[in-house]
Protein backbone atom coordinates (compact mmCIF):
# COMPACT_ATOMS: atom_id res chain seq x y z
CA MET A 1 141.85 128.40 106.18
CA LYS A 2 143.48 131.46 104.62
CA LYS A 3 140.27 132.24 102.72
CA SER A 4 138.30 132.10 105.97
CA ILE A 5 140.66 134.57 107.62
CA VAL A 6 140.48 136.94 104.65
CA LEU A 7 136.67 136.73 104.54
CA LEU A 8 136.48 137.35 108.28
CA ALA A 9 138.78 140.38 107.96
CA VAL A 10 136.73 141.81 105.09
CA PHE A 11 133.48 141.23 106.98
CA THR A 12 134.89 142.93 110.07
CA ILE A 13 136.04 145.97 108.10
CA VAL A 14 132.74 146.30 106.24
CA SER A 15 130.62 145.82 109.35
CA CYS A 16 132.68 148.42 111.24
CA ALA A 17 132.28 151.03 108.50
CA GLU A 18 130.47 153.95 110.04
CA LYS A 19 127.14 154.81 108.47
CA VAL A 20 126.48 158.41 107.60
CA ASP A 21 124.22 160.09 110.15
CA ILE A 22 121.71 162.65 108.84
CA GLN A 23 122.39 164.67 112.00
CA HIS A 24 125.91 165.39 110.70
CA ILE A 25 124.89 166.43 107.18
CA ASP A 26 125.96 170.02 107.96
CA LYS A 27 129.58 168.81 107.53
CA ILE A 28 128.90 169.02 103.81
CA LYS A 29 128.80 172.83 103.98
CA GLY A 30 131.79 174.38 102.25
CA TYR A 31 134.11 173.94 99.30
CA TRP A 32 135.04 170.49 98.01
CA GLN A 33 137.36 169.36 95.25
CA ILE A 34 136.88 166.10 93.38
CA THR A 35 139.81 163.70 93.65
CA LYS A 36 138.56 160.65 91.75
CA VAL A 37 135.58 158.89 90.23
CA GLU A 38 134.96 155.15 90.18
CA THR A 39 132.27 153.96 87.79
CA ALA A 40 129.93 151.06 88.48
CA GLU A 41 131.93 149.12 85.88
CA GLY A 42 135.13 149.57 87.90
CA GLU A 43 136.79 152.26 85.79
CA LYS A 44 138.72 154.88 87.79
CA LYS A 45 139.63 158.43 86.89
CA GLU A 46 141.94 160.47 89.12
CA TYR A 47 141.82 164.27 89.37
CA PRO A 48 145.23 165.28 90.80
CA VAL A 49 144.76 168.96 89.85
CA ASN A 50 141.46 170.71 89.38
CA GLU A 51 140.58 174.40 89.47
CA ASN A 52 136.86 173.61 89.71
CA TYR A 53 135.23 173.28 93.11
CA GLU A 54 131.86 172.16 94.40
CA TYR A 55 130.22 174.45 96.93
CA PHE A 56 127.53 173.10 99.23
CA ASP A 57 125.46 175.21 101.60
CA ILE A 58 122.94 173.58 103.91
CA GLN A 59 120.85 174.45 106.94
CA ASN A 60 118.14 172.26 108.47
CA LYS A 61 118.69 169.66 105.73
CA VAL A 62 117.88 172.15 102.93
CA GLY A 63 120.35 174.10 100.85
CA PHE A 64 122.02 174.39 97.50
CA HIS A 65 124.96 173.14 95.46
CA LYS A 66 126.90 175.00 92.81
CA LYS A 67 130.11 174.70 90.87
CA VAL A 68 132.67 177.48 91.24
CA ARG A 69 136.06 178.09 89.66
CA TRP A 70 139.06 179.37 91.56
CA GLN A 71 140.77 182.39 90.02
CA PRO A 72 144.47 183.32 90.35
CA MET A 73 143.54 186.62 92.00
CA GLY A 74 142.27 184.65 95.01
CA THR A 75 138.54 184.76 94.29
CA PHE A 76 136.00 182.34 92.85
CA LEU A 77 134.23 182.76 89.53
CA VAL A 78 130.58 182.17 90.36
CA ASP A 79 127.51 182.18 88.13
CA ASP A 80 123.78 182.09 88.87
CA LEU A 81 123.39 178.36 88.19
CA GLN A 82 122.76 176.28 91.28
CA GLU A 83 120.80 173.24 92.34
CA LYS A 84 118.41 173.12 95.25
CA MET A 85 119.48 170.36 97.62
CA VAL A 86 117.43 168.46 100.22
CA ALA A 87 118.96 165.85 102.54
CA SER A 88 116.84 162.98 103.79
CA VAL A 89 116.96 159.34 104.85
CA LYS A 90 115.63 156.76 102.40
CA GLU A 91 115.90 153.05 103.02
CA GLU A 92 118.21 153.74 105.99
CA GLU A 93 120.69 155.71 103.84
CA VAL A 94 121.32 159.44 103.69
CA VAL A 95 120.54 160.86 100.26
CA LEU A 96 120.72 164.26 98.63
CA ASP A 97 117.95 165.18 96.22
CA PHE A 98 119.08 167.84 93.75
CA SER A 99 116.79 169.88 91.51
CA SER A 100 117.16 172.78 89.12
CA GLU A 101 115.46 174.09 86.04
CA PHE A 102 117.50 171.51 84.10
CA GLY A 103 116.32 168.41 85.96
CA LYS A 104 116.44 166.32 89.11
CA HIS A 105 118.74 163.64 90.45
CA THR A 106 119.54 161.87 93.69
CA GLU A 107 122.92 160.94 95.15
CA LYS A 108 123.60 158.67 98.10
CA VAL A 109 126.03 159.92 100.77
CA ILE A 110 128.46 157.03 101.24
CA GLU A 111 130.93 158.84 103.49
CA LEU A 112 130.99 162.26 105.13
CA THR A 113 133.66 163.45 107.53
CA ASP A 114 135.21 166.85 108.18
CA SER A 115 137.61 166.27 105.26
CA THR A 116 136.11 163.52 103.07
CA LEU A 117 132.92 163.23 101.03
CA VAL A 118 131.89 160.29 98.86
CA LEU A 119 128.68 160.48 96.83
CA GLU A 120 127.19 157.65 94.78
CA SER A 121 125.22 158.63 91.68
CA GLU A 122 122.06 156.92 90.51
CA ALA A 123 124.21 155.17 87.86
CA GLY A 124 126.38 153.67 90.60
CA ALA A 125 129.47 155.87 90.12
CA ASP A 126 131.29 156.96 93.28
CA PHE A 127 132.57 160.53 93.41
CA TYR A 128 135.36 161.18 95.94
CA TYR A 129 135.92 164.71 97.27
CA LYS A 130 138.27 166.36 99.71
CA LYS A 131 137.36 169.44 101.73
CA VAL A 132 139.18 172.62 100.72
CA ASN A 133 140.32 175.28 103.14
CA VAL A 134 139.80 178.30 100.89
CA ASN A 135 141.85 180.48 103.24
CA ALA A 136 144.89 178.33 102.43
CA LEU A 137 144.55 178.72 98.65
CA PRO A 138 147.29 180.78 97.00
CA ASN A 139 146.39 184.35 96.15
CA TYR A 140 148.62 185.42 93.32
CA GLY A 141 147.06 188.87 93.28
CA LYS A 142 148.41 189.84 96.70
CA LYS A 143 151.80 191.47 97.02
CA ALA A 144 154.25 189.82 99.37
CA GLU A 145 154.46 191.68 102.66
């Protein structure tokens, strides 16, 4: 009986999980910081502190992704490397197709809210991100007023 209740609870939670809607893909625009990775084999790696950020820009389902590094003076160190990004629906799931001069890959959007992003790689690893309010980052280069 207890197993039936647990299975019913799990089924209810899974079936109520909101699917990502391609119409809301613009929520991905902005700065994100990775918080953890879970591999397909079940290994987990936490990232409690990270000065590297992911920046996504998208309009009409097309945009780019690049890695940036926060600097103590309150700016980001940015280079010319970026990946073209195209959002689409494949097999009823929202995916992001990335391409650059170095190659191509696809990631499935598992969750996307105003503050949370979860992407699944082709290898089955889940990457968890939190949205960053860059205006709230410390700026050690400014003098106290």
